[in-house]
Amino acid sequence: MAMSEDAAVAAETPTPTGTRRGRVRIKRTALMAVPAVAVGGILMTLTAQGVLAAQFSISGMPFTITADKLDGDGFAQFGSLDHMIPGSPNQGHTGGQVLVAVSAIKTAEITNLCQSVDLGGVNLVIHAGDQGTPVSASDLTTDSDLLSGDAEFKNIEIGGDASTYTKAGDVGKGGKGVFGQQADHVQLTHLNQHNYASTAVGFKLPNLRLSFSSKGC
């Protein structure tokens, strides 16, 4: 699960069926945080299991996403690997593969989205969803090695086999035997992601602007 400075579980309230539904709030969280000493072992395990995240070869150039708020229905998260092409000039010390936390959301609305990538001395920056109409996405996935923000989940399940997950649909299924978590709903505020890949079946960006800048998001 996440590592956090302040976590609180809100009081549970009965539903009309008599079951109890919980809500979890996590302040300034880094989701799916992994100790550095464990990374090597996790890479070997995921490689042996054939677990891949993005279904394409990543460039190896990370990009940043920030947002004031993300509201999502149907959430799942699990560990995986992204791969670069053989001999990629961006592989550095990674060996061409990057350990990532895949976050999958069935439907999402994102307020004040900023995306930037450092092209080497200049940043390509995209802004959208900041004029009263949020960005909307369906079957959204992001492959992140760093993620922070304030998070609130509804009906979260932690520690399940990610291959059995259903809350985020097909994009929210991980590899067999892979640790994961899923929830009916997630709200993230002050979102900041360091990503290597992202996909969506539908992606609508109101008030889209693209520019080059000396500063990223």
C-alpha atoms as a PDB file:
ATOM      1  CA  MET A   1       0.000   0.000   0.000  1.00  0.00           C
ATOM      2  CA  ALA A   2       0.984   3.611   0.172  1.00  0.00           C
ATOM      3  CA  MET A   3       3.489   5.141   2.551  1.00  0.00           C
ATOM      4  CA  SER A   4       2.086   8.297   4.114  1.00  0.00           C
ATOM      5  CA  GLU A   5       2.689  10.900   6.761  1.00  0.00           C
ATOM      6  CA  ASP A   6      -0.931  10.958   7.902  1.00  0.00           C
ATOM      7  CA  ALA A   7      -3.569   8.313   7.245  1.00  0.00           C
ATOM      8  CA  ALA A   8      -7.095   8.212   8.568  1.00  0.00           C
ATOM      9  CA  VAL A   9      -9.975   5.818   8.147  1.00  0.00           C
ATOM     10  CA  ALA A  10     -13.322   7.580   8.133  1.00  0.00           C
ATOM     11  CA  ALA A  11     -16.223   6.179  10.135  1.00  0.00           C
ATOM     12  CA  GLU A  12     -18.051   3.454   8.264  1.00  0.00           C
ATOM     13  CA  THR A  13     -21.731   3.940   7.487  1.00  0.00           C
ATOM     14  CA  PRO A  14     -24.296   1.228   6.745  1.00  0.00           C
ATOM     15  CA  THR A  15     -25.604   0.917   3.195  1.00  0.00           C
ATOM     16  CA  PRO A  16     -29.275   0.150   2.458  1.00  0.00           C
ATOM     17  CA  THR A  17     -28.351  -3.546   2.170  1.00  0.00           C
ATOM     18  CA  GLY A  18     -26.851  -3.598   5.637  1.00  0.00           C
ATOM     19  CA  THR A  19     -23.242  -3.973   4.508  1.00  0.00           C
ATOM     20  CA  ARG A  20     -20.642  -1.492   5.705  1.00  0.00           C
ATOM     21  CA  ARG A  21     -18.665   0.606   3.284  1.00  0.00           C
ATOM     22  CA  GLY A  22     -15.368   2.173   4.269  1.00  0.00           C
ATOM     23  CA  ARG A  23     -13.558   5.265   3.115  1.00  0.00           C
ATOM     24  CA  VAL A  24      -9.818   5.783   3.421  1.00  0.00           C
ATOM     25  CA  ARG A  25      -8.079   9.147   3.276  1.00  0.00           C
ATOM     26  CA  ILE A  26      -4.325   9.323   2.773  1.00  0.00           C
ATOM     27  CA  LYS A  27      -2.429  12.602   3.014  1.00  0.00           C
ATOM     28  CA  ARG A  28       0.648  13.356   0.870  1.00  0.00           C
ATOM     29  CA  THR A  29       0.964   9.786  -0.244  1.00  0.00           C
ATOM     30  CA  ALA A  30       3.438   8.050  -2.514  1.00  0.00           C
ATOM     31  CA  LEU A  31       1.337   5.187  -3.857  1.00  0.00           C
ATOM     32  CA  MET A  32       2.858   1.725  -4.151  1.00  0.00           C
ATOM     33  CA  ALA A  33       6.126   2.973  -2.652  1.00  0.00           C
ATOM     34  CA  VAL A  34       8.931   0.402  -2.928  1.00  0.00           C
ATOM     35  CA  PRO A  35      12.151   0.375  -0.843  1.00  0.00           C
ATOM     36  CA  ALA A  36      15.202   0.821  -3.062  1.00  0.00           C
ATOM     37  CA  VAL A  37      16.818  -2.375  -1.757  1.00  0.00           C
ATOM     38  CA  ALA A  38      13.835  -4.389  -3.024  1.00  0.00           C
ATOM     39  CA  VAL A  39      13.826  -3.078  -6.594  1.00  0.00           C
ATOM     40  CA  GLY A  40      16.319  -5.603  -7.958  1.00  0.00           C
ATOM     41  CA  GLY A  41      14.370  -8.572  -6.629  1.00  0.00           C
ATOM     42  CA  ILE A  42      11.070  -7.183  -7.900  1.00  0.00           C
ATOM     43  CA  LEU A  43      12.513  -6.653 -11.386  1.00  0.00           C
ATOM     44  CA  MET A  44      13.693 -10.263 -11.490  1.00  0.00           C
ATOM     45  CA  THR A  45      10.320 -11.556 -10.275  1.00  0.00           C
ATOM     46  CA  LEU A  46       8.263  -9.513 -12.729  1.00  0.00           C
ATOM     47  CA  THR A  47      10.573 -10.461 -15.600  1.00  0.00           C
ATOM     48  CA  ALA A  48      10.226 -14.144 -14.746  1.00  0.00           C
ATOM     49  CA  GLN A  49       6.433 -13.793 -14.659  1.00  0.00           C
ATOM     50  CA  GLY A  50       6.415 -12.043 -18.035  1.00  0.00           C
ATOM     51  CA  VAL A  51       4.639  -9.020 -16.568  1.00  0.00           C
ATOM     52  CA  LEU A  52       4.621  -6.041 -18.929  1.00  0.00           C
ATOM     53  CA  ALA A  53       2.878  -2.710 -18.446  1.00  0.00           C
ATOM     54  CA  ALA A  54       2.692  -0.556 -21.595  1.00  0.00           C
ATOM     55  CA  GLN A  55       1.949  -2.629 -24.697  1.00  0.00           C
ATOM     56  CA  PHE A  56       4.544  -0.660 -26.650  1.00  0.00           C
ATOM     57  CA  SER A  57       8.246   0.100 -26.304  1.00  0.00           C
ATOM     58  CA  ILE A  58       8.691   3.239 -24.225  1.00  0.00           C
ATOM     59  CA  SER A  59      11.106   5.975 -25.289  1.00  0.00           C
ATOM     60  CA  GLY A  60      12.711   6.008 -21.845  1.00  0.00           C
ATOM     61  CA  MET A  61      12.127   9.767 -21.587  1.00  0.00           C
ATOM     62  CA  PRO A  62       9.938  10.384 -18.520  1.00  0.00           C
ATOM     63  CA  PHE A  63       7.212  13.014 -18.474  1.00  0.00           C
ATOM     64  CA  THR A  64       5.488  14.868 -15.657  1.00  0.00           C
ATOM     65  CA  ILE A  65       1.752  15.182 -15.081  1.00  0.00           C
ATOM     66  CA  THR A  66       0.222  17.499 -12.496  1.00  0.00           C
ATOM     67  CA  ALA A  67      -3.415  18.281 -11.732  1.00  0.00           C
ATOM     68  CA  ASP A  68      -5.430  20.103  -9.105  1.00  0.00           C
ATOM     69  CA  LYS A  69      -7.823  17.159  -8.824  1.00  0.00           C
ATOM     70  CA  LEU A  70      -8.539  13.763 -10.343  1.00  0.00           C
ATOM     71  CA  ASP A  71     -11.859  11.999  -9.712  1.00  0.00           C
ATOM     72  CA  GLY A  72     -12.002   8.403 -10.892  1.00  0.00           C
ATOM     73  CA  ASP A  73     -14.535   5.576 -10.823  1.00  0.00           C
ATOM     74  CA  GLY A  74     -13.084   2.066 -10.945  1.00  0.00           C
ATOM     75  CA  PHE A  75      -9.456   2.147  -9.764  1.00  0.00           C
ATOM     76  CA  ALA A  76      -6.683  -0.461  -9.736  1.00  0.00           C
ATOM     77  CA  GLN A  77      -2.939  -0.297  -9.130  1.00  0.00           C
ATOM     78  CA  PHE A  78      -0.161  -2.883  -9.377  1.00  0.00           C
ATOM     79  CA  GLY A  79       3.530  -3.225 -10.148  1.00  0.00           C
ATOM     80  CA  SER A  80       4.861  -3.946 -13.628  1.00  0.00           C
ATOM     81  CA  LEU A  81       7.719  -3.317 -16.068  1.00  0.00           C
ATOM     82  CA  ASP A  82       8.090  -0.966 -19.028  1.00  0.00           C
ATOM     83  CA  HIS A  83      10.617  -1.842 -21.736  1.00  0.00           C
ATOM     84  CA  MET A  84      12.650   0.237 -24.183  1.00  0.00           C
ATOM     85  CA  ILE A  85      13.849  -0.949 -27.574  1.00  0.00           C
ATOM     86  CA  PRO A  86      17.156  -2.875 -27.540  1.00  0.00           C
ATOM     87  CA  GLY A  87      20.093  -0.470 -27.443  1.00  0.00           C
ATOM     88  CA  SER A  88      17.964   2.577 -26.633  1.00  0.00           C
ATOM     89  CA  PRO A  89      20.151   5.652 -26.014  1.00  0.00           C
ATOM     90  CA  ASN A  90      17.921   6.465 -23.037  1.00  0.00           C
ATOM     91  CA  GLN A  91      18.387   3.233 -21.111  1.00  0.00           C
ATOM     92  CA  GLY A  92      21.297   4.514 -18.991  1.00  0.00           C
ATOM     93  CA  HIS A  93      21.831   2.232 -15.995  1.00  0.00           C
ATOM     94  CA  THR A  94      18.319   0.725 -16.254  1.00  0.00           C
ATOM     95  CA  GLY A  95      19.229  -2.006 -18.726  1.00  0.00           C
ATOM     96  CA  GLY A  96      16.280  -0.901 -20.833  1.00  0.00           C
ATOM     97  CA  GLN A  97      13.532  -1.721 -18.345  1.00  0.00           C
ATOM     98  CA  VAL A  98      11.829   0.433 -15.726  1.00  0.00           C
ATOM     99  CA  LEU A  99       9.901  -0.694 -12.662  1.00  0.00           C
ATOM    100  CA  VAL A 100       6.562   1.146 -12.574  1.00  0.00           C
ATOM    101  CA  ALA A 101       3.306   1.287 -10.658  1.00  0.00           C
ATOM    102  CA  VAL A 102       0.442   1.003 -13.135  1.00  0.00           C
ATOM    103  CA  SER A 103      -2.602   3.060 -12.119  1.00  0.00           C
ATOM    104  CA  ALA A 104      -5.757   2.147 -14.050  1.00  0.00           C
ATOM    105  CA  ILE A 105      -9.034   4.090 -13.907  1.00  0.00           C
ATOM    106  CA  LYS A 106     -12.221   3.134 -15.740  1.00  0.00           C
ATOM    107  CA  THR A 107     -13.510   6.729 -16.021  1.00  0.00           C
ATOM    108  CA  ALA A 108     -11.766   9.885 -14.821  1.00  0.00           C
ATOM    109  CA  GLU A 109     -12.196  13.649 -14.715  1.00  0.00           C
ATOM    110  CA  ILE A 110      -9.057  15.756 -14.307  1.00  0.00           C
ATOM    111  CA  THR A 111      -9.067  19.430 -13.329  1.00  0.00           C
ATOM    112  CA  ASN A 112      -6.241  21.733 -14.454  1.00  0.00           C
ATOM    113  CA  LEU A 113      -4.092  19.150 -16.213  1.00  0.00           C
ATOM    114  CA  CYS A 114      -0.473  19.933 -17.054  1.00  0.00           C
ATOM    115  CA  GLN A 115       1.837  17.551 -18.919  1.00  0.00           C
ATOM    116  CA  SER A 116       5.467  18.266 -19.735  1.00  0.00           C
ATOM    117  CA  VAL A 117       8.490  16.430 -21.097  1.00  0.00           C
ATOM    118  CA  ASP A 118      12.079  17.679 -20.995  1.00  0.00           C
ATOM    119  CA  LEU A 119      13.462  17.505 -24.539  1.00  0.00           C
ATOM    120  CA  GLY A 120      16.911  18.629 -23.453  1.00  0.00           C
ATOM    121  CA  GLY A 121      17.043  22.330 -22.662  1.00  0.00           C
ATOM    122  CA  VAL A 122      13.409  22.972 -23.571  1.00  0.00           C
ATOM    123  CA  ASN A 123      10.128  21.519 -22.295  1.00  0.00           C
ATOM    124  CA  LEU A 124       7.121  20.532 -24.381  1.00  0.00           C
ATOM    125  CA  VAL A 125       4.138  21.552 -22.216  1.00  0.00           C
ATOM    126  CA  ILE A 126       0.422  20.799 -22.566  1.00  0.00           C
ATOM    127  CA  HIS A 127      -2.332  22.470 -20.525  1.00  0.00           C
ATOM    128  CA  ALA A 128      -6.041  21.548 -20.548  1.00  0.00           C
ATOM    129  CA  GLY A 129      -9.134  21.364 -18.373  1.00  0.00           C
ATOM    130  CA  ASP A 130      -8.525  24.625 -16.513  1.00  0.00           C
ATOM    131  CA  GLN A 131     -11.463  26.747 -17.703  1.00  0.00           C
ATOM    132  CA  GLY A 132     -14.343  25.131 -15.812  1.00  0.00           C
ATOM    133  CA  THR A 133     -14.612  21.929 -17.871  1.00  0.00           C
ATOM    134  CA  PRO A 134     -12.301  19.114 -16.727  1.00  0.00           C
ATOM    135  CA  VAL A 135     -10.378  16.723 -18.931  1.00  0.00           C
ATOM    136  CA  SER A 136     -12.230  13.405 -19.253  1.00  0.00           C
ATOM    137  CA  ALA A 137     -10.733   9.977 -19.908  1.00  0.00           C
ATOM    138  CA  SER A 138     -11.924   6.388 -20.162  1.00  0.00           C
ATOM    139  CA  ASP A 139      -9.869   3.236 -19.589  1.00  0.00           C
ATOM    140  CA  LEU A 140      -6.962   5.421 -18.488  1.00  0.00           C
ATOM    141  CA  THR A 141      -3.613   3.958 -17.441  1.00  0.00           C
ATOM    142  CA  THR A 142      -0.416   5.630 -16.277  1.00  0.00           C
ATOM    143  CA  ASP A 143       2.925   3.923 -15.644  1.00  0.00           C
ATOM    144  CA  SER A 144       4.687   5.861 -12.877  1.00  0.00           C
ATOM    145  CA  ASP A 145       7.862   5.485 -10.869  1.00  0.00           C
ATOM    146  CA  LEU A 146       6.897   8.439  -8.636  1.00  0.00           C
ATOM    147  CA  LEU A 147       3.430   9.629  -7.629  1.00  0.00           C
ATOM    148  CA  SER A 148       2.371  12.019  -4.882  1.00  0.00           C
ATOM    149  CA  GLY A 149      -0.739  13.850  -3.752  1.00  0.00           C
ATOM    150  CA  ASP A 150      -3.635  13.657  -1.300  1.00  0.00           C
ATOM    151  CA  ALA A 151      -5.718  10.530  -1.907  1.00  0.00           C
ATOM    152  CA  GLU A 152      -9.153   9.338  -0.826  1.00  0.00           C
ATOM    153  CA  PHE A 153     -10.503   5.884  -1.700  1.00  0.00           C
ATOM    154  CA  LYS A 154     -13.933   4.286  -1.394  1.00  0.00           C
ATOM    155  CA  ASN A 155     -14.139   0.536  -0.747  1.00  0.00           C
ATOM    156  CA  ILE A 156     -10.449  -0.179  -1.235  1.00  0.00           C
ATOM    157  CA  GLU A 157      -9.026  -3.712  -1.333  1.00  0.00           C
ATOM    158  CA  ILE A 158      -5.288  -4.106  -0.704  1.00  0.00           C
ATOM    159  CA  GLY A 159      -3.057  -7.096  -1.349  1.00  0.00           C
ATOM    160  CA  GLY A 160      -5.149  -9.022  -3.853  1.00  0.00           C
ATOM    161  CA  ASP A 161      -3.883 -10.893  -6.908  1.00  0.00           C
ATOM    162  CA  ALA A 162      -3.956  -8.194  -9.598  1.00  0.00           C
ATOM    163  CA  SER A 163      -4.926 -10.701 -12.301  1.00  0.00           C
ATOM    164  CA  THR A 164      -8.337 -11.120 -10.619  1.00  0.00           C
ATOM    165  CA  TYR A 165      -9.225  -7.424 -10.466  1.00  0.00           C
ATOM    166  CA  THR A 166     -12.447  -6.170 -12.079  1.00  0.00           C
ATOM    167  CA  LYS A 167     -13.151  -2.664 -10.712  1.00  0.00           C
ATOM    168  CA  ALA A 168     -11.190  -0.860 -13.475  1.00  0.00           C
ATOM    169  CA  GLY A 169     -12.151  -3.264 -16.255  1.00  0.00           C
ATOM    170  CA  ASP A 170      -9.652  -5.059 -18.481  1.00  0.00           C
ATOM    171  CA  VAL A 171      -7.027  -2.292 -18.227  1.00  0.00           C
ATOM    172  CA  GLY A 172      -6.997  -2.815 -14.455  1.00  0.00           C
ATOM    173  CA  LYS A 173      -5.822  -6.433 -14.561  1.00  0.00           C
ATOM    174  CA  GLY A 174      -2.213  -7.136 -13.649  1.00  0.00           C
ATOM    175  CA  GLY A 175      -0.087 -10.255 -13.925  1.00  0.00           C
ATOM    176  CA  LYS A 176      -0.800 -13.483 -12.065  1.00  0.00           C
ATOM    177  CA  GLY A 177       0.543 -13.430  -8.527  1.00  0.00           C
ATOM    178  CA  VAL A 178       1.260  -9.682  -8.632  1.00  0.00           C
ATOM    179  CA  PHE A 179       0.364  -7.636  -5.542  1.00  0.00           C
ATOM    180  CA  GLY A 180      -2.203  -4.920  -6.169  1.00  0.00           C
ATOM    181  CA  GLN A 181      -4.967  -2.762  -4.801  1.00  0.00           C
ATOM    182  CA  GLN A 182      -8.332  -1.687  -6.206  1.00  0.00           C
ATOM    183  CA  ALA A 183     -11.183   0.604  -5.173  1.00  0.00           C
ATOM    184  CA  ASP A 184     -14.628   1.685  -6.325  1.00  0.00           C
ATOM    185  CA  HIS A 185     -13.590   5.348  -6.380  1.00  0.00           C
ATOM    186  CA  VAL A 186     -10.435   7.418  -6.024  1.00  0.00           C
ATOM    187  CA  GLN A 187      -9.983  11.155  -5.575  1.00  0.00           C
ATOM    188  CA  LEU A 188      -6.496  12.638  -5.863  1.00  0.00           C
ATOM    189  CA  THR A 189      -5.749  16.292  -5.179  1.00  0.00           C
ATOM    190  CA  HIS A 190      -2.434  18.100  -5.708  1.00  0.00           C
ATOM    191  CA  LEU A 191      -1.500  15.252  -8.045  1.00  0.00           C
ATOM    192  CA  ASN A 192       2.086  14.950  -9.282  1.00  0.00           C
ATOM    193  CA  GLN A 193       3.225  11.993 -11.404  1.00  0.00           C
ATOM    194  CA  HIS A 194       6.570  11.060 -12.955  1.00  0.00           C
ATOM    195  CA  ASN A 195       5.527   8.748 -15.804  1.00  0.00           C
ATOM    196  CA  TYR A 196       7.013   6.619 -18.553  1.00  0.00           C
ATOM    197  CA  ALA A 197       3.796   5.765 -20.399  1.00  0.00           C
ATOM    198  CA  SER A 198       0.084   6.500 -20.463  1.00  0.00           C
ATOM    199  CA  THR A 199      -2.832   5.119 -22.470  1.00  0.00           C
ATOM    200  CA  ALA A 200      -6.555   5.829 -22.743  1.00  0.00           C
ATOM    201  CA  VAL A 201      -9.389   4.545 -24.912  1.00  0.00           C
ATOM    202  CA  GLY A 202     -11.027   7.979 -24.783  1.00  0.00           C
ATOM    203  CA  PHE A 203      -9.325  11.272 -23.925  1.00  0.00           C
ATOM    204  CA  LYS A 204     -11.081  14.655 -24.187  1.00  0.00           C
ATOM    205  CA  LEU A 205      -9.039  17.797 -23.454  1.00  0.00           C
ATOM    206  CA  PRO A 206     -11.066  21.045 -23.287  1.00  0.00           C
ATOM    207  CA  ASN A 207      -9.112  24.273 -23.833  1.00  0.00           C
ATOM    208  CA  LEU A 208      -5.988  22.401 -24.971  1.00  0.00           C
ATOM    209  CA  ARG A 209      -2.790  24.455 -25.365  1.00  0.00           C
ATOM    210  CA  LEU A 210       0.622  23.185 -26.439  1.00  0.00           C
ATOM    211  CA  SER A 211       3.795  25.230 -26.103  1.00  0.00           C
ATOM    212  CA  PHE A 212       7.544  25.078 -25.576  1.00  0.00           C
ATOM    213  CA  SER A 213       8.907  26.518 -22.347  1.00  0.00           C
ATOM    214  CA  SER A 214      12.044  26.706 -20.249  1.00  0.00           C
ATOM    215  CA  LYS A 215       9.975  25.331 -17.339  1.00  0.00           C
ATOM    216  CA  GLY A 216       7.922  22.157 -17.071  1.00  0.00           C
ATOM    217  CA  CYS A 217       4.846  21.469 -14.950  1.00  0.00           C
END
